[in-house]
Amino acid sequence: MKKRGYRIIERNYRSRLGEIDIIGEKAGTLVFVEVKTKTSLAFGLPQENVNYRKQEKVKKIAQVYLAATRQFHRQVSFCVVAVQLDREGNLVKIEVFEEAF
């Protein structure tokens, strides 16, 4: 994410509702990032696990973060990072889906 111009603000932000993997900032926009990693594509691509239900949960946690940090005025975006590893844990592919939902 840093190589793409993001400034990382928090990792593994936890609230009573759950966790957001990365909170970053790029070009003045606060970006909430969901990271999905898979070692097998037998049950689909990593990004396919960020379904509607997961998106809604991330949005609610983002609202909690905005309230806790008093940043309601900020422009926000949601990003998905899909990581594919082989069976030995070696990196095969990383895809970044900016403004994913």
C-alpha atoms as a PDB file:
ATOM      1  CA  MET A   1       0.000   0.000   0.000  1.00  0.00           C
ATOM      2  CA  LYS A   2       2.867   2.372   0.778  1.00  0.00           C
ATOM      3  CA  LYS A   3       4.257   1.812  -2.734  1.00  0.00           C
ATOM      4  CA  ARG A   4       0.880   2.928  -4.123  1.00  0.00           C
ATOM      5  CA  GLY A   5       1.064   6.239  -2.265  1.00  0.00           C
ATOM      6  CA  TYR A   6      -0.916   5.359   0.859  1.00  0.00           C
ATOM      7  CA  ARG A   7       0.079   6.546   4.304  1.00  0.00           C
ATOM      8  CA  ILE A   8      -0.774   3.831   6.808  1.00  0.00           C
ATOM      9  CA  ILE A   9      -2.587   5.234   9.853  1.00  0.00           C
ATOM     10  CA  GLU A  10      -3.620   2.039  11.648  1.00  0.00           C
ATOM     11  CA  ARG A  11      -3.361  -1.709  11.249  1.00  0.00           C
ATOM     12  CA  ASN A  12      -5.878  -4.158  12.680  1.00  0.00           C
ATOM     13  CA  TYR A  13      -8.219  -1.493  14.068  1.00  0.00           C
ATOM     14  CA  ARG A  14     -10.611  -3.221  16.455  1.00  0.00           C
ATOM     15  CA  SER A  15     -13.977  -2.101  17.698  1.00  0.00           C
ATOM     16  CA  ARG A  16     -16.818  -3.911  19.412  1.00  0.00           C
ATOM     17  CA  LEU A  17     -18.206  -4.676  15.934  1.00  0.00           C
ATOM     18  CA  GLY A  18     -15.070  -6.243  14.490  1.00  0.00           C
ATOM     19  CA  GLU A  19     -11.813  -5.353  12.784  1.00  0.00           C
ATOM     20  CA  ILE A  20     -10.573  -3.385   9.798  1.00  0.00           C
ATOM     21  CA  ASP A  21      -7.240  -4.640   8.500  1.00  0.00           C
ATOM     22  CA  ILE A  22      -5.717  -1.319   7.422  1.00  0.00           C
ATOM     23  CA  ILE A  23      -6.747   2.302   7.677  1.00  0.00           C
ATOM     24  CA  GLY A  24      -4.762   4.557   5.410  1.00  0.00           C
ATOM     25  CA  GLU A  25      -4.838   7.891   3.703  1.00  0.00           C
ATOM     26  CA  LYS A  26      -4.256   8.834   0.089  1.00  0.00           C
ATOM     27  CA  ALA A  27      -4.765  12.238  -1.504  1.00  0.00           C
ATOM     28  CA  GLY A  28      -6.727  13.478   1.510  1.00  0.00           C
ATOM     29  CA  THR A  29      -9.126  10.520   1.486  1.00  0.00           C
ATOM     30  CA  LEU A  30      -9.368   8.152   4.439  1.00  0.00           C
ATOM     31  CA  VAL A  31      -9.215   4.601   3.065  1.00  0.00           C
ATOM     32  CA  PHE A  32     -10.479   1.506   4.877  1.00  0.00           C
ATOM     33  CA  VAL A  33      -8.788  -1.620   3.544  1.00  0.00           C
ATOM     34  CA  GLU A  34      -9.991  -5.214   3.796  1.00  0.00           C
ATOM     35  CA  VAL A  35      -7.256  -7.786   3.078  1.00  0.00           C
ATOM     36  CA  LYS A  36      -8.193 -11.315   2.004  1.00  0.00           C
ATOM     37  CA  THR A  37      -5.572 -14.033   1.617  1.00  0.00           C
ATOM     38  CA  LYS A  38      -6.018 -17.493   0.122  1.00  0.00           C
ATOM     39  CA  THR A  39      -3.710 -20.398  -0.620  1.00  0.00           C
ATOM     40  CA  SER A  40      -6.189 -22.188  -2.859  1.00  0.00           C
ATOM     41  CA  LEU A  41      -8.656 -20.946  -5.431  1.00  0.00           C
ATOM     42  CA  ALA A  42     -10.836 -24.035  -5.050  1.00  0.00           C
ATOM     43  CA  PHE A  43     -13.594 -21.940  -3.470  1.00  0.00           C
ATOM     44  CA  GLY A  44     -13.073 -18.748  -5.449  1.00  0.00           C
ATOM     45  CA  LEU A  45     -10.804 -15.742  -5.530  1.00  0.00           C
ATOM     46  CA  PRO A  46      -9.846 -13.916  -2.313  1.00  0.00           C
ATOM     47  CA  GLN A  47     -11.775 -10.776  -3.275  1.00  0.00           C
ATOM     48  CA  GLU A  48     -14.965 -12.815  -3.699  1.00  0.00           C
ATOM     49  CA  ASN A  49     -15.009 -13.318   0.082  1.00  0.00           C
ATOM     50  CA  VAL A  50     -15.731  -9.619   0.543  1.00  0.00           C
ATOM     51  CA  ASN A  51     -19.437 -10.065  -0.099  1.00  0.00           C
ATOM     52  CA  TYR A  52     -22.277  -7.655   0.635  1.00  0.00           C
ATOM     53  CA  ARG A  53     -22.507  -8.742   4.283  1.00  0.00           C
ATOM     54  CA  LYS A  54     -18.770  -8.208   4.844  1.00  0.00           C
ATOM     55  CA  GLN A  55     -18.909  -4.839   3.064  1.00  0.00           C
ATOM     56  CA  GLU A  56     -21.718  -3.658   5.336  1.00  0.00           C
ATOM     57  CA  LYS A  57     -19.783  -4.787   8.408  1.00  0.00           C
ATOM     58  CA  VAL A  58     -16.659  -2.900   7.294  1.00  0.00           C
ATOM     59  CA  LYS A  59     -18.768   0.212   6.674  1.00  0.00           C
ATOM     60  CA  LYS A  60     -20.201   0.042  10.206  1.00  0.00           C
ATOM     61  CA  ILE A  61     -16.752  -0.371  11.742  1.00  0.00           C
ATOM     62  CA  ALA A  62     -15.556   2.579   9.656  1.00  0.00           C
ATOM     63  CA  GLN A  63     -18.386   4.662  11.128  1.00  0.00           C
ATOM     64  CA  VAL A  64     -17.246   3.694  14.625  1.00  0.00           C
ATOM     65  CA  TYR A  65     -13.701   4.754  13.742  1.00  0.00           C
ATOM     66  CA  LEU A  66     -14.882   8.073  12.322  1.00  0.00           C
ATOM     67  CA  ALA A  67     -16.909   8.745  15.463  1.00  0.00           C
ATOM     68  CA  ALA A  68     -14.085   7.717  17.805  1.00  0.00           C
ATOM     69  CA  THR A  69     -11.593   9.942  15.999  1.00  0.00           C
ATOM     70  CA  ARG A  70     -14.073  12.750  15.273  1.00  0.00           C
ATOM     71  CA  GLN A  71     -13.408  12.699  11.555  1.00  0.00           C
ATOM     72  CA  PHE A  72     -16.976  12.786  10.210  1.00  0.00           C
ATOM     73  CA  HIS A  73     -15.955  15.478   7.741  1.00  0.00           C
ATOM     74  CA  ARG A  74     -13.464  13.205   5.945  1.00  0.00           C
ATOM     75  CA  GLN A  75     -13.981  11.793   2.486  1.00  0.00           C
ATOM     76  CA  VAL A  76     -13.748   7.992   2.736  1.00  0.00           C
ATOM     77  CA  SER A  77     -13.142   5.093   0.401  1.00  0.00           C
ATOM     78  CA  PHE A  78     -13.112   1.311   0.745  1.00  0.00           C
ATOM     79  CA  CYS A  79     -10.440  -0.886  -0.777  1.00  0.00           C
ATOM     80  CA  VAL A  80      -9.935  -4.640  -1.064  1.00  0.00           C
ATOM     81  CA  VAL A  81      -6.501  -6.258  -1.279  1.00  0.00           C
ATOM     82  CA  ALA A  82      -6.574  -9.828  -2.602  1.00  0.00           C
ATOM     83  CA  VAL A  83      -3.492 -11.915  -1.812  1.00  0.00           C
ATOM     84  CA  GLN A  84      -2.850 -15.314  -3.357  1.00  0.00           C
ATOM     85  CA  LEU A  85      -0.199 -17.590  -1.844  1.00  0.00           C
ATOM     86  CA  ASP A  86       0.963 -21.027  -2.930  1.00  0.00           C
ATOM     87  CA  ARG A  87       0.750 -23.999  -0.551  1.00  0.00           C
ATOM     88  CA  GLU A  88       4.181 -23.161   0.876  1.00  0.00           C
ATOM     89  CA  GLY A  89       3.119 -19.612   1.685  1.00  0.00           C
ATOM     90  CA  ASN A  90       5.013 -17.941  -1.158  1.00  0.00           C
ATOM     91  CA  LEU A  91       3.424 -14.923  -2.764  1.00  0.00           C
ATOM     92  CA  VAL A  92       1.771 -15.644  -6.098  1.00  0.00           C
ATOM     93  CA  LYS A  93      -0.265 -12.501  -6.721  1.00  0.00           C
ATOM     94  CA  ILE A  94      -1.520  -9.316  -5.073  1.00  0.00           C
ATOM     95  CA  GLU A  95      -4.410  -7.326  -6.500  1.00  0.00           C
ATOM     96  CA  VAL A  96      -5.603  -4.007  -5.128  1.00  0.00           C
ATOM     97  CA  PHE A  97      -9.203  -2.967  -5.806  1.00  0.00           C
ATOM     98  CA  GLU A  98      -9.490   0.715  -4.980  1.00  0.00           C
ATOM     99  CA  GLU A  99     -12.963   2.128  -4.325  1.00  0.00           C
ATOM    100  CA  ALA A 100     -14.203  -1.472  -4.249  1.00  0.00           C
ATOM    101  CA  PHE A 101     -17.514  -0.668  -2.563  1.00  0.00           C
END
